[in-house]
PDB file of N, CA and C in Angstrom:
ATOM      1  N   MET A   1      94.039 147.150 120.894  1.00  0.00           N
ATOM      2  CA  MET A   1      93.988 146.581 119.563  1.00  0.00           C
ATOM      3  C   MET A   1      93.311 147.538 118.593  1.00  0.00           C
ATOM      4  N   ASP A   2      92.285 148.258 119.041  1.00  0.00           N
ATOM      5  CA  ASP A   2      91.571 149.183 118.185  1.00  0.00           C
ATOM      6  C   ASP A   2      92.459 150.347 117.754  1.00  0.00           C
ATOM      7  N   LYS A   3      93.362 150.778 118.604  1.00  0.00           N
ATOM      8  CA  LYS A   3      94.271 151.883 118.275  1.00  0.00           C
ATOM      9  C   LYS A   3      95.167 151.494 117.103  1.00  0.00           C
ATOM     10  N   TYR A   4      95.672 150.266 117.123  1.00  0.00           N
ATOM     11  CA  TYR A   4      96.558 149.813 116.061  1.00  0.00           C
ATOM     12  C   TYR A   4      95.818 149.698 114.728  1.00  0.00           C
ATOM     13  N   LEU A   5      94.581 149.309 114.790  1.00  0.00           N
ATOM     14  CA  LEU A   5      93.775 149.194 113.582  1.00  0.00           C
ATOM     15  C   LEU A   5      93.531 150.570 112.957  1.00  0.00           C
ATOM     16  N   VAL A   6      93.216 151.555 113.791  1.00  0.00           N
ATOM     17  CA  VAL A   6      92.987 152.920 113.303  1.00  0.00           C
ATOM     18  C   VAL A   6      94.265 153.487 112.694  1.00  0.00           C
ATOM     19  N   VAL A   7      95.407 153.294 113.356  1.00  0.00           N
ATOM     20  CA  VAL A   7      96.688 153.775 112.843  1.00  0.00           C
ATOM     21  C   VAL A   7      97.008 153.098 111.509  1.00  0.00           C
ATOM     22  N   ALA A   8      96.758 151.799 111.405  1.00  0.00           N
ATOM     23  CA  ALA A   8      97.038 151.074 110.169  1.00  0.00           C
ATOM     24  C   ALA A   8      96.164 151.591 109.020  1.00  0.00           C
ATOM     25  N   VAL A   9      94.898 151.857 109.296  1.00  0.00           N
ATOM     26  CA  VAL A   9      93.987 152.360 108.262  1.00  0.00           C
ATOM     27  C   VAL A   9      94.429 153.748 107.802  1.00  0.00           C
ATOM     28  N   VAL A  10      94.819 154.602 108.727  1.00  0.00           N
ATOM     29  CA  VAL A  10      95.277 155.944 108.373  1.00  0.00           C
ATOM     30  C   VAL A  10      96.542 155.870 107.525  1.00  0.00           C
ATOM     31  N   ILE A  11      97.468 155.013 107.877  1.00  0.00           N
ATOM     32  CA  ILE A  11      98.711 154.868 107.114  1.00  0.00           C
ATOM     33  C   ILE A  11      98.404 154.352 105.701  1.00  0.00           C
ATOM     34  N   ILE A  12      97.513 153.407 105.582  1.00  0.00           N
ATOM     35  CA  ILE A  12      97.149 152.876 104.263  1.00  0.00           C
ATOM     36  C   ILE A  12      96.495 153.966 103.415  1.00  0.00           C
ATOM     37  N   ILE A  13      95.617 154.758 104.001  1.00  0.00           N
ATOM     38  CA  ILE A  13      94.981 155.854 103.261  1.00  0.00           C
ATOM     39  C   ILE A  13      96.026 156.862 102.792  1.00  0.00           C
ATOM     40  N   CYS A  14      96.984 157.196 103.644  1.00  0.00           N
ATOM     41  CA  CYS A  14      98.054 158.136 103.259  1.00  0.00           C
ATOM     42  C   CYS A  14      98.878 157.587 102.097  1.00  0.00           C
ATOM     43  N   ILE A  15      99.211 156.326 102.140  1.00  0.00           N
ATOM     44  CA  ILE A  15     100.000 155.714 101.065  1.00  0.00           C
ATOM     45  C   ILE A  15      99.225 155.747  99.749  1.00  0.00           C
ATOM     46  N   VAL A  16      97.942 155.427  99.791  1.00  0.00           N
ATOM     47  CA  VAL A  16      97.112 155.442  98.580  1.00  0.00           C
ATOM     48  C   VAL A  16      97.026 156.862  98.018  1.00  0.00           C
ATOM     49  N   MET A  17      96.875 157.846  98.897  1.00  0.00           N
ATOM     50  CA  MET A  17      96.806 159.230  98.422  1.00  0.00           C
ATOM     51  C   MET A  17      98.109 159.661  97.760  1.00  0.00           C
ATOM     52  N   VAL A  18      99.239 159.300  98.332  1.00  0.00           N
ATOM     53  CA  VAL A  18     100.531 159.661  97.745  1.00  0.00           C
ATOM     54  C   VAL A  18     100.691 159.012  96.375  1.00  0.00           C
ATOM     55  N   ILE A  19     100.357 157.753  96.269  1.00  0.00           N
ATOM     56  CA  ILE A  19     100.472 157.061  94.982  1.00  0.00           C
ATOM     57  C   ILE A  19      99.544 157.692  93.946  1.00  0.00           C
ATOM     58  N   TYR A  20      98.325 158.007  94.337  1.00  0.00           N
ATOM     59  CA  TYR A  20      97.368 158.616  93.409  1.00  0.00           C
ATOM     60  C   TYR A  20      97.839 159.980  92.919  1.00  0.00           C
ATOM     61  N   THR A  21      98.317 160.819  93.826  1.00  0.00           N
ATOM     62  CA  THR A  21      98.749 162.159  93.407  1.00  0.00           C
ATOM     63  C   THR A  21      99.994 162.093  92.540  1.00  0.00           C
ATOM     64  N   GLN A  22     100.895 161.175  92.796  1.00  0.00           N
ATOM     65  CA  GLN A  22     102.082 161.056  91.953  1.00  0.00           C
ATOM     66  C   GLN A  22     101.721 160.561  90.562  1.00  0.00           C
ATOM     67  N   ARG A  23     100.816 159.644  90.458  1.00  0.00           N
ATOM     68  CA  ARG A  23     100.411 159.147  89.141  1.00  0.00           C
ATOM     69  C   ARG A  23      99.689 160.214  88.347  1.00  0.00           C
ATOM     70  N   SER A  24      98.764 160.921  88.955  1.00  0.00           N
ATOM     71  CA  SER A  24      98.015 161.932  88.215  1.00  0.00           C
ATOM     72  C   SER A  24      98.915 163.091  87.814  1.00  0.00           C
ATOM     73  N   GLY A  25      99.882 163.460  88.642  1.00  0.00           N
ATOM     74  CA  GLY A  25     100.810 164.532  88.298  1.00  0.00           C
ATOM     75  C   GLY A  25     101.750 164.131  87.180  1.00  0.00           C
ATOM     76  N   SER A  26     102.248 162.896  87.226  1.00  0.00           N
ATOM     77  CA  SER A  26     103.194 162.460  86.198  1.00  0.00           C
ATOM     78  C   SER A  26     102.490 162.211  84.867  1.00  0.00           C
ATOM     79  N   SER A  27     101.255 161.757  84.884  1.00  0.00           N
ATOM     80  CA  SER A  27     100.569 161.485  83.628  1.00  0.00           C
ATOM     81  C   SER A  27     100.248 162.771  82.883  1.00  0.00           C
ATOM     82  N   SER A  28      99.950 163.843  83.607  1.00  0.00           N
ATOM     83  CA  SER A  28      99.651 165.095  82.908  1.00  0.00           C
ATOM     84  C   SER A  28     100.918 165.711  82.339  1.00  0.00           C
ATOM     85  N   ARG A  29     102.041 165.527  82.999  1.00  0.00           N
ATOM     86  CA  ARG A  29     103.294 166.093  82.513  1.00  0.00           C
ATOM     87  C   ARG A  29     103.900 165.248  81.394  1.00  0.00           C
ATOM     88  N   SER A  30     103.730 163.944  81.454  1.00  0.00           N
ATOM     89  CA  SER A  30     104.356 163.078  80.471  1.00  0.00           C
ATOM     90  C   SER A  30     103.436 162.780  79.297  1.00  0.00           C
ATOM     91  N   SER A  31     102.342 163.474  79.183  1.00  0.00           N
ATOM     92  CA  SER A  31     101.453 163.235  78.057  1.00  0.00           C
ATOM     93  C   SER A  31     102.144 163.671  76.764  1.00  0.00           C
ATOM     94  N   ASN A  32     101.632 163.197  75.658  1.00  0.00           N
ATOM     95  CA  ASN A  32     102.262 163.470  74.369  1.00  0.00           C
ATOM     96  C   ASN A  32     102.032 164.896  73.893  1.00  0.00           C
ATOM     97  N   ALA A  33     101.142 165.617  74.532  1.00  0.00           N
ATOM     98  CA  ALA A  33     100.850 166.983  74.112  1.00  0.00           C
ATOM     99  C   ALA A  33     101.995 167.909  74.528  1.00  0.00           C
ATOM    100  N   SER A  34     102.436 168.727  73.596  1.00  0.00           N
ATOM    101  CA  SER A  34     103.491 169.688  73.903  1.00  0.00           C
ATOM    102  C   SER A  34     102.887 170.896  74.612  1.00  0.00           C
ATOM    103  N   PHE A  35     103.740 171.725  75.157  1.00  0.00           N
ATOM    104  CA  PHE A  35     103.276 172.930  75.848  1.00  0.00           C
ATOM    105  C   PHE A  35     102.499 173.818  74.891  1.00  0.00           C
ATOM    106  N   LYS A  36     102.939 173.884  73.638  1.00  0.00           N
ATOM    107  CA  LYS A  36     102.236 174.676  72.620  1.00  0.00           C
ATOM    108  C   LYS A  36     100.809 174.157  72.435  1.00  0.00           C
ATOM    109  N   ASP A  37     100.644 172.844  72.357  1.00  0.00           N
ATOM    110  CA  ASP A  37      99.317 172.260  72.189  1.00  0.00           C
ATOM    111  C   ASP A  37      98.428 172.521  73.402  1.00  0.00           C
ATOM    112  N   ILE A  38      99.018 172.484  74.580  1.00  0.00           N
ATOM    113  CA  ILE A  38      98.262 172.752  75.804  1.00  0.00           C
ATOM    114  C   ILE A  38      97.769 174.195  75.811  1.00  0.00           C
ATOM    115  N   VAL A  39      98.647 175.127  75.417  1.00  0.00           N
ATOM    116  CA  VAL A  39      98.267 176.542  75.374  1.00  0.00           C
ATOM    117  C   VAL A  39      97.195 176.762  74.307  1.00  0.00           C
ATOM    118  N   GLN A  40      97.334 176.106  73.147  1.00  0.00           N
ATOM    119  CA  GLN A  40      96.341 176.242  72.076  1.00  0.00           C
ATOM    120  C   GLN A  40      94.976 175.741  72.536  1.00  0.00           C
ATOM    121  N   LYS A  41      94.966 174.633  73.261  1.00  0.00           N
ATOM    122  CA  LYS A  41      93.708 174.083  73.755  1.00  0.00           C
ATOM    123  C   LYS A  41      93.075 175.020  74.794  1.00  0.00           C
ATOM    124  N   GLU A  42      93.904 175.709  75.573  1.00  0.00           N
ATOM    125  CA  GLU A  42      93.389 176.610  76.607  1.00  0.00           C
ATOM    126  C   GLU A  42      92.862 177.919  76.021  1.00  0.00           C
ATOM    127  N   PHE A  43      93.483 178.392  74.930  1.00  0.00           N
ATOM    128  CA  PHE A  43      93.082 179.646  74.289  1.00  0.00           C
ATOM    129  C   PHE A  43      92.719 179.382  72.828  1.00  0.00           C
ATOM    130  N   PRO A  44      91.597 178.706  72.568  1.00  0.00           N
ATOM    131  CA  PRO A  44      91.260 178.308  71.198  1.00  0.00           C
ATOM    132  C   PRO A  44      90.905 179.476  70.279  1.00  0.00           C
ATOM    133  N   LYS A  45      90.548 180.603  70.838  1.00  0.00           N
ATOM    134  CA  LYS A  45      90.173 181.768  70.032  1.00  0.00           C
ATOM    135  C   LYS A  45      91.381 182.363  69.309  1.00  0.00           C
ATOM    136  N   TYR A  46      92.576 182.092  69.810  1.00  0.00           N
ATOM    137  CA  TYR A  46      93.804 182.688  69.281  1.00  0.00           C
ATOM    138  C   TYR A  46      94.654 181.633  68.575  1.00  0.00           C
ATOM    139  N   THR A  47      95.581 182.117  67.763  1.00  0.00           N
ATOM    140  CA  THR A  47      96.546 181.249  67.101  1.00  0.00           C
ATOM    141  C   THR A  47      97.786 181.180  67.965  1.00  0.00           C
ATOM    142  N   VAL A  48      98.280 179.972  68.224  1.00  0.00           N
ATOM    143  CA  VAL A  48      99.466 179.784  69.049  1.00  0.00           C
ATOM    144  C   VAL A  48     100.603 179.293  68.159  1.00  0.00           C
ATOM    145  N   VAL A  49     101.745 179.989  68.230  1.00  0.00           N
ATOM    146  CA  VAL A  49     102.898 179.682  67.395  1.00  0.00           C
ATOM    147  C   VAL A  49     104.111 179.505  68.305  1.00  0.00           C
ATOM    148  N   GLU A  50     104.960 178.528  67.986  1.00  0.00           N
ATOM    149  CA  GLU A  50     106.203 178.344  68.740  1.00  0.00           C
ATOM    150  C   GLU A  50     107.373 178.733  67.847  1.00  0.00           C
ATOM    151  N   ARG A  51     108.222 179.620  68.358  1.00  0.00           N
ATOM    152  CA  ARG A  51     109.387 180.075  67.607  1.00  0.00           C
ATOM    153  C   ARG A  51     110.523 180.345  68.584  1.00  0.00           C
ATOM    154  N   ASN A  52     111.678 179.715  68.387  1.00  0.00           N
ATOM    155  CA  ASN A  52     112.866 179.921  69.222  1.00  0.00           C
ATOM    156  C   ASN A  52     112.585 179.702  70.703  1.00  0.00           C
ATOM    157  N   GLN A  53     111.984 178.588  71.042  1.00  0.00           N
ATOM    158  CA  GLN A  53     111.618 178.231  72.413  1.00  0.00           C
ATOM    159  C   GLN A  53     110.706 179.273  73.077  1.00  0.00           C
ATOM    160  N   THR A  54     109.972 180.025  72.291  1.00  0.00           N
ATOM    161  CA  THR A  54     109.020 181.011  72.792  1.00  0.00           C
ATOM    162  C   THR A  54     107.645 180.665  72.226  1.00  0.00           C
ATOM    163  N   ILE A  55     106.660 180.630  73.108  1.00  0.00           N
ATOM    164  CA  ILE A  55     105.282 180.395  72.676  1.00  0.00           C
ATOM    165  C   ILE A  55     104.628 181.757  72.502  1.00  0.00           C
ATOM    166  N   MET A  56     104.011 181.989  71.348  1.00  0.00           N
ATOM    167  CA  MET A  56     103.354 183.262  71.073  1.00  0.00           C
ATOM    168  C   MET A  56     101.862 183.033  70.889  1.00  0.00           C
ATOM    169  N   ILE A  57     101.070 183.817  71.595  1.00  0.00           N
ATOM    170  CA  ILE A  57      99.623 183.807  71.410  1.00  0.00           C
ATOM    171  C   ILE A  57      99.308 185.006  70.520  1.00  0.00           C
ATOM    172  N   CYS A  58      98.764 184.732  69.337  1.00  0.00           N
ATOM    173  CA  CYS A  58      98.564 185.765  68.321  1.00  0.00           C
ATOM    174  C   CYS A  58      97.102 185.805  67.892  1.00  0.00           C
ATOM    175  N   GLU A  59      96.748 186.919  67.272  1.00  0.00           N
ATOM    176  CA  GLU A  59      95.452 187.019  66.614  1.00  0.00           C
ATOM    177  C   GLU A  59      95.681 187.579  65.215  1.00  0.00           C
ATOM    178  N   MET A  60      94.740 187.320  64.344  1.00  0.00           N
ATOM    179  CA  MET A  60      94.851 187.813  62.977  1.00  0.00           C
ATOM    180  C   MET A  60      94.369 189.258  62.930  1.00  0.00           C
ATOM    181  N   ASN A  61      95.156 190.135  62.311  1.00  0.00           N
ATOM    182  CA  ASN A  61      94.729 191.524  62.164  1.00  0.00           C
ATOM    183  C   ASN A  61      93.943 191.655  60.853  1.00  0.00           C
ATOM    184  N   PRO A  62      93.386 192.822  60.551  1.00  0.00           N
ATOM    185  CA  PRO A  62      92.577 192.972  59.327  1.00  0.00           C
ATOM    186  C   PRO A  62      93.346 192.687  58.037  1.00  0.00           C
ATOM    187  N   ARG A  63      94.651 192.750  58.049  1.00  0.00           N
ATOM    188  CA  ARG A  63      95.456 192.451  56.851  1.00  0.00           C
ATOM    189  C   ARG A  63      95.807 190.971  56.747  1.00  0.00           C
ATOM    190  N   ASN A  64      95.219 190.139  57.589  1.00  0.00           N
ATOM    191  CA  ASN A  64      95.482 188.704  57.634  1.00  0.00           C
ATOM    192  C   ASN A  64      96.923 188.386  58.028  1.00  0.00           C
ATOM    193  N   GLN A  65      97.479 189.178  58.899  1.00  0.00           N
ATOM    194  CA  GLN A  65      98.811 188.925  59.436  1.00  0.00           C
ATOM    195  C   GLN A  65      98.681 188.600  60.917  1.00  0.00           C
ATOM    196  N   LEU A  66      99.606 187.770  61.407  1.00  0.00           N
ATOM    197  CA  LEU A  66      99.576 187.437  62.824  1.00  0.00           C
ATOM    198  C   LEU A  66     100.094 188.615  63.644  1.00  0.00           C
ATOM    199  N   GLU A  67      99.335 188.986  64.643  1.00  0.00           N
ATOM    200  CA  GLU A  67      99.734 190.056  65.545  1.00  0.00           C
ATOM    201  C   GLU A  67      99.986 189.433  66.917  1.00  0.00           C
ATOM    202  N   GLU A  68     101.228 189.551  67.400  1.00  0.00           N
ATOM    203  CA  GLU A  68     101.609 188.923  68.665  1.00  0.00           C
ATOM    204  C   GLU A  68     101.015 189.700  69.832  1.00  0.00           C
ATOM    205  N   LEU A  69     100.295 188.996  70.688  1.00  0.00           N
ATOM    206  CA  LEU A  69      99.705 189.620  71.872  1.00  0.00           C
ATOM    207  C   LEU A  69     100.474 189.250  73.129  1.00  0.00           C
ATOM    208  N   VAL A  70     100.750 187.942  73.300  1.00  0.00           N
ATOM    209  CA  VAL A  70     101.429 187.451  74.499  1.00  0.00           C
ATOM    210  C   VAL A  70     102.549 186.513  74.082  1.00  0.00           C
ATOM    211  N   LEU A  71     103.735 186.712  74.641  1.00  0.00           N
ATOM    212  CA  LEU A  71     104.859 185.817  74.444  1.00  0.00           C
ATOM    213  C   LEU A  71     105.142 185.117  75.762  1.00  0.00           C
ATOM    214  N   ILE A  72     105.382 183.811  75.710  1.00  0.00           N
ATOM    215  CA  ILE A  72     105.661 183.027  76.909  1.00  0.00           C
ATOM    216  C   ILE A  72     107.051 182.426  76.763  1.00  0.00           C
ATOM    217  N   ARG A  73     107.922 182.757  77.702  1.00  0.00           N
ATOM    218  CA  ARG A  73     109.275 182.189  77.722  1.00  0.00           C
ATOM    219  C   ARG A  73     109.457 181.429  79.017  1.00  0.00           C
ATOM    220  N   ILE A  74     110.149 180.306  78.942  1.00  0.00           N
ATOM    221  CA  ILE A  74     110.469 179.537  80.139  1.00  0.00           C
ATOM    222  C   ILE A  74     111.982 179.548  80.287  1.00  0.00           C
ATOM    223  N   ASP A  75     112.460 180.204  81.353  1.00  0.00           N
ATOM    224  CA  ASP A  75     113.883 180.331  81.623  1.00  0.00           C
ATOM    225  C   ASP A  75     114.119 180.011  83.098  1.00  0.00           C
ATOM    226  N   PRO A  76     114.712 178.859  83.393  1.00  0.00           N
ATOM    227  CA  PRO A  76     114.908 178.462  84.788  1.00  0.00           C
ATOM    228  C   PRO A  76     115.824 179.411  85.572  1.00  0.00           C
ATOM    229  N   ASN A  77     116.577 180.242  84.879  1.00  0.00           N
ATOM    230  CA  ASN A  77     117.512 181.151  85.554  1.00  0.00           C
ATOM    231  C   ASN A  77     116.875 182.475  85.957  1.00  0.00           C
ATOM    232  N   GLN A  78     115.602 182.692  85.613  1.00  0.00           N
ATOM    233  CA  GLN A  78     114.942 183.957  85.926  1.00  0.00           C
ATOM    234  C   GLN A  78     113.716 183.721  86.791  1.00  0.00           C
ATOM    235  N   LYS A  79     113.342 184.757  87.529  1.00  0.00           N
ATOM    236  CA  LYS A  79     112.089 184.726  88.280  1.00  0.00           C
ATOM    237  C   LYS A  79     110.960 185.071  87.316  1.00  0.00           C
ATOM    238  N   LYS A  80     109.740 184.964  87.812  1.00  0.00           N
ATOM    239  CA  LYS A  80     108.590 185.349  86.995  1.00  0.00           C
ATOM    240  C   LYS A  80     108.711 186.832  86.685  1.00  0.00           C
ATOM    241  N   ASN A  81     108.566 187.171  85.401  1.00  0.00           N
ATOM    242  CA  ASN A  81     108.788 188.532  84.946  1.00  0.00           C
ATOM    243  C   ASN A  81     107.751 188.877  83.883  1.00  0.00           C
ATOM    244  N   ILE A  82     107.254 190.113  83.931  1.00  0.00           N
ATOM    245  CA  ILE A  82     106.280 190.583  82.942  1.00  0.00           C
ATOM    246  C   ILE A  82     106.819 191.877  82.344  1.00  0.00           C
ATOM    247  N   ARG A  83     106.919 191.906  81.001  1.00  0.00           N
ATOM    248  CA  ARG A  83     107.388 193.111  80.315  1.00  0.00           C
ATOM    249  C   ARG A  83     106.403 193.499  79.217  1.00  0.00           C
ATOM    250  N   ASN A  84     106.105 194.792  79.141  1.00  0.00           N
ATOM    251  CA  ASN A  84     105.202 195.314  78.111  1.00  0.00           C
ATOM    252  C   ASN A  84     106.001 195.965  76.995  1.00  0.00           C
ATOM    253  N   PHE A  85     105.623 195.678  75.764  1.00  0.00           N
ATOM    254  CA  PHE A  85     106.187 196.330  74.589  1.00  0.00           C
ATOM    255  C   PHE A  85     105.009 196.770  73.720  1.00  0.00           C
ATOM    256  N   GLY A  86     104.471 197.934  73.991  1.00  0.00           N
ATOM    257  CA  GLY A  86     103.291 198.380  73.260  1.00  0.00           C
ATOM    258  C   GLY A  86     102.110 197.498  73.591  1.00  0.00           C
ATOM    259  N   ARG A  87     101.547 196.867  72.578  1.00  0.00           N
ATOM    260  CA  ARG A  87     100.409 195.978  72.798  1.00  0.00           C
ATOM    261  C   ARG A  87     100.856 194.566  73.182  1.00  0.00           C
ATOM    262  N   ARG A  88     102.099 194.237  72.889  1.00  0.00           N
ATOM    263  CA  ARG A  88     102.638 192.906  73.162  1.00  0.00           C
ATOM    264  C   ARG A  88     103.163 192.820  74.596  1.00  0.00           C
ATOM    265  N   VAL A  89     102.946 191.683  75.244  1.00  0.00           N
ATOM    266  CA  VAL A  89     103.396 191.448  76.607  1.00  0.00           C
ATOM    267  C   VAL A  89     104.222 190.169  76.624  1.00  0.00           C
ATOM    268  N   THR A  90     105.385 190.210  77.286  1.00  0.00           N
ATOM    269  CA  THR A  90     106.242 189.036  77.403  1.00  0.00           C
ATOM    270  C   THR A  90     106.228 188.551  78.848  1.00  0.00           C
ATOM    271  N   PHE A  91     105.864 187.297  79.035  1.00  0.00           N
ATOM    272  CA  PHE A  91     105.876 186.661  80.354  1.00  0.00           C
ATOM    273  C   PHE A  91     107.032 185.676  80.376  1.00  0.00           C
ATOM    274  N   THR A  92     107.900 185.796  81.377  1.00  0.00           N
ATOM    275  CA  THR A  92     108.989 184.851  81.568  1.00  0.00           C
ATOM    276  C   THR A  92     108.721 184.088  82.855  1.00  0.00           C
ATOM    277  N   TYR A  93     108.720 182.768  82.762  1.00  0.00           N
ATOM    278  CA  TYR A  93     108.462 181.905  83.917  1.00  0.00           C
ATOM    279  C   TYR A  93     109.696 181.046  84.182  1.00  0.00           C
ATOM    280  N   PRO A  94     109.983 180.716  85.451  1.00  0.00           N
ATOM    281  CA  PRO A  94     111.110 179.830  85.748  1.00  0.00           C
ATOM    282  C   PRO A  94     110.823 178.369  85.407  1.00  0.00           C
ATOM    283  N   LYS A  95     109.539 177.994  85.331  1.00  0.00           N
ATOM    284  CA  LYS A  95     109.132 176.640  84.942  1.00  0.00           C
ATOM    285  C   LYS A  95     107.810 176.739  84.201  1.00  0.00           C
ATOM    286  N   GLN A  96     107.378 175.643  83.639  1.00  0.00           N
ATOM    287  CA  GLN A  96     106.132 175.660  82.870  1.00  0.00           C
ATOM    288  C   GLN A  96     104.974 176.066  83.778  1.00  0.00           C
ATOM    289  N   PRO A  97     104.263 177.133  83.426  1.00  0.00           N
ATOM    290  CA  PRO A  97     103.169 177.602  84.284  1.00  0.00           C
ATOM    291  C   PRO A  97     101.935 176.719  84.180  1.00  0.00           C
ATOM    292  N   SER A  98     101.121 176.762  85.204  1.00  0.00           N
ATOM    293  CA  SER A  98      99.868 176.013  85.181  1.00  0.00           C
ATOM    294  C   SER A  98      98.838 176.794  84.361  1.00  0.00           C
ATOM    295  N   MET A  99      97.783 176.108  83.971  1.00  0.00           N
ATOM    296  CA  MET A  99      96.749 176.762  83.169  1.00  0.00           C
ATOM    297  C   MET A  99      96.059 177.864  83.963  1.00  0.00           C
ATOM    298  N   SER A 100      95.796 177.621  85.231  1.00  0.00           N
ATOM    299  CA  SER A 100      95.114 178.655  86.026  1.00  0.00           C
ATOM    300  C   SER A 100      96.002 179.882  86.186  1.00  0.00           C
ATOM    301  N   GLU A 101      97.308 179.680  86.343  1.00  0.00           N
ATOM    302  CA  GLU A 101      98.233 180.814  86.455  1.00  0.00           C
ATOM    303  C   GLU A 101      98.257 181.616  85.149  1.00  0.00           C
ATOM    304  N   MET A 102      98.272 180.920  84.017  1.00  0.00           N
ATOM    305  CA  MET A 102      98.285 181.623  82.734  1.00  0.00           C
ATOM    306  C   MET A 102      96.978 182.370  82.496  1.00  0.00           C
ATOM    307  N   ARG A 103      95.853 181.731  82.801  1.00  0.00           N
ATOM    308  CA  ARG A 103      94.566 182.414  82.631  1.00  0.00           C
ATOM    309  C   ARG A 103      94.532 183.698  83.444  1.00  0.00           C
ATOM    310  N   LYS A 104      94.999 183.620  84.693  1.00  0.00           N
ATOM    311  CA  LYS A 104      94.991 184.782  85.574  1.00  0.00           C
ATOM    312  C   LYS A 104      95.947 185.857  85.059  1.00  0.00           C
ATOM    313  N   ASP A 105      97.138 185.460  84.616  1.00  0.00           N
ATOM    314  CA  ASP A 105      98.130 186.435  84.139  1.00  0.00           C
ATOM    315  C   ASP A 105      97.726 187.080  82.817  1.00  0.00           C
ATOM    316  N   PHE A 106      97.148 186.304  81.907  1.00  0.00           N
ATOM    317  CA  PHE A 106      96.864 186.798  80.562  1.00  0.00           C
ATOM    318  C   PHE A 106      95.521 187.505  80.458  1.00  0.00           C
ATOM    319  N   ALA A 107      94.660 187.385  81.446  1.00  0.00           N
ATOM    320  CA  ALA A 107      93.306 187.942  81.382  1.00  0.00           C
ATOM    321  C   ALA A 107      93.263 189.410  80.974  1.00  0.00           C
ATOM    322  N   PRO A 108      94.119 190.297  81.517  1.00  0.00           N
ATOM    323  CA  PRO A 108      94.022 191.702  81.092  1.00  0.00           C
ATOM    324  C   PRO A 108      94.474 191.949  79.640  1.00  0.00           C
ATOM    325  N   TYR A 109      95.192 191.007  79.051  1.00  0.00           N
ATOM    326  CA  TYR A 109      95.791 191.229  77.732  1.00  0.00           C
ATOM    327  C   TYR A 109      95.072 190.493  76.616  1.00  0.00           C
ATOM    328  N   LEU A 110      94.283 189.483  76.952  1.00  0.00           N
ATOM    329  CA  LEU A 110      93.585 188.718  75.901  1.00  0.00           C
ATOM    330  C   LEU A 110      92.130 189.045  75.967  1.00  0.00           C
TER     331      LEU A 110
END
């Protein structure tokens, strides 16, 4: 009888964990904040602009013009790709990247 009780408790714990992880994952993705807002909140020192489905992390230069530092593109048909164009860097991701992945990728450029 004790074996069945232990198995039942383990199964109940597994079910609760699955439900909890699905809810927390879906709530963060379905929040009203757009990807641009999420990036702006993560990098508050910089100006974040969205143009043509591309998120740009910019800073103001001495002439008060936006200078593009990092461009983020999401293209499901491509693998993760990094391209340098002078001071500007373009990151292409197959899906929306996590904040920790972006922090790690952008650290040398920001």
